[in-house]
Amino acid sequence: MRYAVINEKDGLVLNVIAREEDSNWKPPEGSYLLASEIASSGDIWNVQSLIKTQLEPSEPTKSIPEEIAGIKERLLKLESAEP
């Protein structure tokens, strides 16, 4: 099963581990385990829900070749503009 290792003082997810139900492993002093399939290191547990601190990568609005073509086009317009 998947668990988040959570700091007792601030709710910070210190680590995420896989642990068998019957394991005798205990988290380090000052922390506890929370079963979670979605927790990531750095998230915050506020005793009710996880607050994600890492943003999901966003999709670029344009591809890199499209961005380069747009930059080249703007440069050409600047070069051809009268001083």
N, C-alpha and C. Protein backbone atom coordinates (compact mmCIF):
# COMPACT_ATOMS: atom_id res chain seq x y z
N MET A 1 0.85 -1.18 0.00
CA MET A 1 0.00 0.00 0.00
C MET A 1 0.90 1.24 0.00
N ARG A 2 0.40 2.33 -0.53
CA ARG A 2 1.15 3.59 -0.65
C ARG A 2 0.80 4.51 0.51
N TYR A 3 1.84 5.10 1.12
CA TYR A 3 1.65 5.97 2.28
C TYR A 3 2.46 7.24 2.12
N ALA A 4 1.92 8.33 2.66
CA ALA A 4 2.67 9.57 2.79
C ALA A 4 3.24 9.62 4.21
N VAL A 5 4.51 10.01 4.33
CA VAL A 5 5.12 10.23 5.63
C VAL A 5 4.97 11.72 5.92
N ILE A 6 4.21 12.04 6.98
CA ILE A 6 3.82 13.42 7.23
C ILE A 6 4.44 13.95 8.52
N ASN A 7 4.99 15.15 8.46
CA ASN A 7 5.55 15.81 9.63
C ASN A 7 4.40 16.24 10.55
N GLU A 8 4.49 15.85 11.83
CA GLU A 8 3.41 16.15 12.79
C GLU A 8 3.23 17.66 13.01
N LYS A 9 4.30 18.44 12.95
CA LYS A 9 4.22 19.87 13.28
C LYS A 9 3.51 20.70 12.22
N ASP A 10 3.85 20.47 10.95
CA ASP A 10 3.31 21.35 9.92
C ASP A 10 2.51 20.65 8.82
N GLY A 11 2.39 19.32 8.88
CA GLY A 11 1.62 18.59 7.88
C GLY A 11 2.33 18.39 6.56
N LEU A 12 3.61 18.74 6.49
CA LEU A 12 4.37 18.59 5.26
C LEU A 12 4.58 17.12 4.94
N VAL A 13 4.32 16.74 3.69
CA VAL A 13 4.59 15.37 3.25
C VAL A 13 6.09 15.28 2.99
N LEU A 14 6.76 14.51 3.85
CA LEU A 14 8.21 14.38 3.78
C LEU A 14 8.66 13.39 2.72
N ASN A 15 7.83 12.36 2.53
CA ASN A 15 8.19 11.29 1.60
C ASN A 15 6.93 10.48 1.28
N VAL A 16 7.01 9.69 0.24
CA VAL A 16 5.94 8.76 -0.11
C VAL A 16 6.57 7.39 -0.23
N ILE A 17 5.98 6.39 0.42
CA ILE A 17 6.57 5.06 0.46
C ILE A 17 5.55 3.99 0.11
N ALA A 18 6.06 2.82 -0.25
CA ALA A 18 5.22 1.63 -0.40
C ALA A 18 5.50 0.77 0.83
N ARG A 19 4.44 0.29 1.47
CA ARG A 19 4.60 -0.47 2.72
C ARG A 19 3.53 -1.55 2.77
N GLU A 20 3.93 -2.74 3.14
CA GLU A 20 2.99 -3.84 3.32
C GLU A 20 2.16 -3.58 4.57
N GLU A 21 0.90 -3.96 4.54
CA GLU A 21 -0.02 -3.76 5.67
C GLU A 21 0.54 -4.35 6.97
N ASP A 22 1.17 -5.52 6.89
CA ASP A 22 1.64 -6.20 8.09
C ASP A 22 3.09 -5.85 8.46
N SER A 23 3.65 -4.82 7.83
CA SER A 23 5.02 -4.41 8.11
C SER A 23 5.13 -3.80 9.51
N ASN A 24 6.26 -4.02 10.15
CA ASN A 24 6.53 -3.43 11.47
C ASN A 24 7.24 -2.09 11.37
N TRP A 25 7.51 -1.63 10.13
CA TRP A 25 8.23 -0.38 9.95
C TRP A 25 7.42 0.78 10.52
N LYS A 26 8.09 1.65 11.25
CA LYS A 26 7.46 2.84 11.83
C LYS A 26 8.10 4.08 11.21
N PRO A 27 7.34 5.15 11.03
CA PRO A 27 7.93 6.38 10.50
C PRO A 27 8.86 7.01 11.54
N PRO A 28 9.73 7.89 11.11
CA PRO A 28 10.64 8.55 12.05
C PRO A 28 9.88 9.32 13.13
N GLU A 29 10.52 9.52 14.26
CA GLU A 29 9.90 10.28 15.36
C GLU A 29 9.49 11.66 14.85
N GLY A 30 8.31 12.10 15.25
CA GLY A 30 7.79 13.40 14.82
C GLY A 30 7.02 13.35 13.51
N SER A 31 6.78 12.13 13.01
CA SER A 31 6.01 11.99 11.77
C SER A 31 5.06 10.80 11.90
N TYR A 32 4.11 10.73 10.96
CA TYR A 32 3.15 9.63 10.95
C TYR A 32 2.82 9.26 9.51
N LEU A 33 2.13 8.15 9.34
CA LEU A 33 1.76 7.67 8.01
C LEU A 33 0.31 7.99 7.69
N LEU A 34 0.06 8.28 6.42
CA LEU A 34 -1.29 8.49 5.92
C LEU A 34 -1.41 7.73 4.60
N ALA A 35 -2.35 6.79 4.53
CA ALA A 35 -2.55 6.05 3.28
C ALA A 35 -3.03 7.04 2.22
N SER A 36 -2.35 7.08 1.08
CA SER A 36 -2.72 8.02 0.02
C SER A 36 -2.19 7.55 -1.32
N GLU A 37 -3.03 7.60 -2.32
CA GLU A 37 -2.63 7.28 -3.69
C GLU A 37 -2.23 8.53 -4.46
N ILE A 38 -2.45 9.72 -3.87
CA ILE A 38 -2.20 10.96 -4.63
C ILE A 38 -1.15 11.87 -4.00
N ALA A 39 -0.72 11.59 -2.77
CA ALA A 39 0.24 12.47 -2.10
C ALA A 39 1.58 12.47 -2.83
N SER A 40 2.25 13.62 -2.79
CA SER A 40 3.60 13.78 -3.33
C SER A 40 4.44 14.49 -2.28
N SER A 41 5.74 14.24 -2.29
CA SER A 41 6.63 14.95 -1.38
C SER A 41 6.45 16.45 -1.59
N GLY A 42 6.37 17.18 -0.49
CA GLY A 42 6.19 18.63 -0.57
C GLY A 42 4.74 19.07 -0.42
N ASP A 43 3.79 18.17 -0.57
CA ASP A 43 2.38 18.52 -0.36
C ASP A 43 2.14 18.80 1.12
N ILE A 44 1.00 19.37 1.43
CA ILE A 44 0.63 19.68 2.82
C ILE A 44 -0.66 18.95 3.16
N TRP A 45 -0.67 18.26 4.31
CA TRP A 45 -1.87 17.61 4.82
C TRP A 45 -2.44 18.51 5.90
N ASN A 46 -3.67 19.01 5.73
CA ASN A 46 -4.26 19.94 6.70
C ASN A 46 -5.29 19.25 7.60
N VAL A 47 -5.14 17.96 7.80
CA VAL A 47 -5.97 17.10 8.63
C VAL A 47 -7.31 16.75 7.95
N GLN A 48 -7.62 17.37 6.84
CA GLN A 48 -8.82 17.04 6.09
C GLN A 48 -8.53 16.67 4.65
N SER A 49 -7.56 17.34 4.05
CA SER A 49 -7.25 17.08 2.65
C SER A 49 -5.81 17.46 2.35
N LEU A 50 -5.34 16.97 1.20
CA LEU A 50 -3.99 17.30 0.75
C LEU A 50 -4.03 18.58 -0.07
N ILE A 51 -3.07 19.44 0.18
CA ILE A 51 -2.91 20.65 -0.61
C ILE A 51 -1.69 20.42 -1.50
N LYS A 52 -1.93 20.39 -2.80
CA LYS A 52 -0.84 20.15 -3.73
C LYS A 52 0.02 21.40 -3.84
N THR A 53 1.33 21.23 -3.68
CA THR A 53 2.23 22.38 -3.75
C THR A 53 3.00 22.41 -5.05
N GLN A 54 2.97 21.31 -5.79
CA GLN A 54 3.68 21.27 -7.06
C GLN A 54 2.66 21.44 -8.18
N LEU A 55 2.89 22.44 -8.99
CA LEU A 55 1.97 22.70 -10.09
C LEU A 55 2.17 21.68 -11.19
N GLU A 56 1.08 21.28 -11.78
CA GLU A 56 1.15 20.38 -12.92
C GLU A 56 1.69 21.17 -14.11
N PRO A 57 2.56 20.57 -14.92
CA PRO A 57 3.06 21.31 -16.08
C PRO A 57 1.93 21.67 -17.03
N SER A 58 1.95 22.88 -17.50
CA SER A 58 0.91 23.30 -18.43
C SER A 58 1.35 23.02 -19.86
N GLU A 59 0.37 22.88 -20.71
CA GLU A 59 0.65 22.65 -22.12
C GLU A 59 1.03 23.98 -22.76
N PRO A 60 2.10 24.00 -23.55
CA PRO A 60 2.45 25.25 -24.23
C PRO A 60 1.36 25.63 -25.22
N THR A 61 1.16 26.92 -25.37
CA THR A 61 0.13 27.37 -26.30
C THR A 61 0.59 27.23 -27.75
N LYS A 62 1.91 27.28 -27.96
CA LYS A 62 2.47 27.10 -29.31
C LYS A 62 3.64 26.13 -29.22
N SER A 63 3.90 25.48 -30.32
CA SER A 63 5.07 24.60 -30.37
C SER A 63 6.32 25.46 -30.50
N ILE A 64 7.46 24.90 -30.22
CA ILE A 64 8.71 25.65 -30.32
C ILE A 64 8.95 26.14 -31.75
N PRO A 65 8.75 25.30 -32.77
CA PRO A 65 8.92 25.82 -34.14
C PRO A 65 7.98 26.99 -34.45
N GLU A 66 6.74 26.95 -33.92
CA GLU A 66 5.82 28.07 -34.13
C GLU A 66 6.33 29.33 -33.42
N GLU A 67 6.86 29.16 -32.21
CA GLU A 67 7.42 30.30 -31.48
C GLU A 67 8.59 30.91 -32.25
N ILE A 68 9.49 30.05 -32.77
CA ILE A 68 10.65 30.54 -33.51
C ILE A 68 10.21 31.26 -34.77
N ALA A 69 9.23 30.71 -35.49
CA ALA A 69 8.73 31.37 -36.70
C ALA A 69 8.15 32.74 -36.37
N GLY A 70 7.42 32.84 -35.27
CA GLY A 70 6.86 34.13 -34.86
C GLY A 70 7.94 35.15 -34.51
N ILE A 71 8.98 34.70 -33.84
CA ILE A 71 10.10 35.60 -33.49
C ILE A 71 10.79 36.09 -34.75
N LYS A 72 11.05 35.16 -35.70
CA LYS A 72 11.70 35.54 -36.96
C LYS A 72 10.84 36.55 -37.72
N GLU A 73 9.54 36.33 -37.73
CA GLU A 73 8.63 37.25 -38.43
C GLU A 73 8.69 38.65 -37.82
N ARG A 74 8.69 38.71 -36.49
CA ARG A 74 8.77 40.02 -35.83
C ARG A 74 10.11 40.69 -36.08
N LEU A 75 11.20 39.92 -36.11
CA LEU A 75 12.51 40.48 -36.42
C LEU A 75 12.57 41.05 -37.83
N LEU A 76 12.00 40.31 -38.80
CA LEU A 76 11.96 40.81 -40.17
C LEU A 76 11.18 42.12 -40.27
N LYS A 77 10.08 42.22 -39.54
CA LYS A 77 9.29 43.46 -39.56
C LYS A 77 10.09 44.60 -38.96
N LEU A 78 10.84 44.32 -37.88
CA LEU A 78 11.65 45.36 -37.28
C LEU A 78 12.77 45.80 -38.21
N GLU A 79 13.41 44.86 -38.90
CA GLU A 79 14.49 45.19 -39.82
C GLU A 79 14.00 45.98 -41.01
N SER A 80 12.79 45.70 -41.47
CA SER A 80 12.29 46.40 -42.66
C SER A 80 11.61 47.72 -42.31
N ALA A 81 11.41 47.98 -41.05
CA ALA A 81 10.76 49.23 -40.65
C ALA A 81 11.72 50.40 -40.91
N GLU A 82 11.15 51.51 -41.33
CA GLU A 82 11.98 52.70 -41.58
C GLU A 82 12.39 53.33 -40.26
N PRO A 83 13.65 53.81 -40.21
CA PRO A 83 14.12 54.45 -38.96
C PRO A 83 13.50 55.80 -38.71
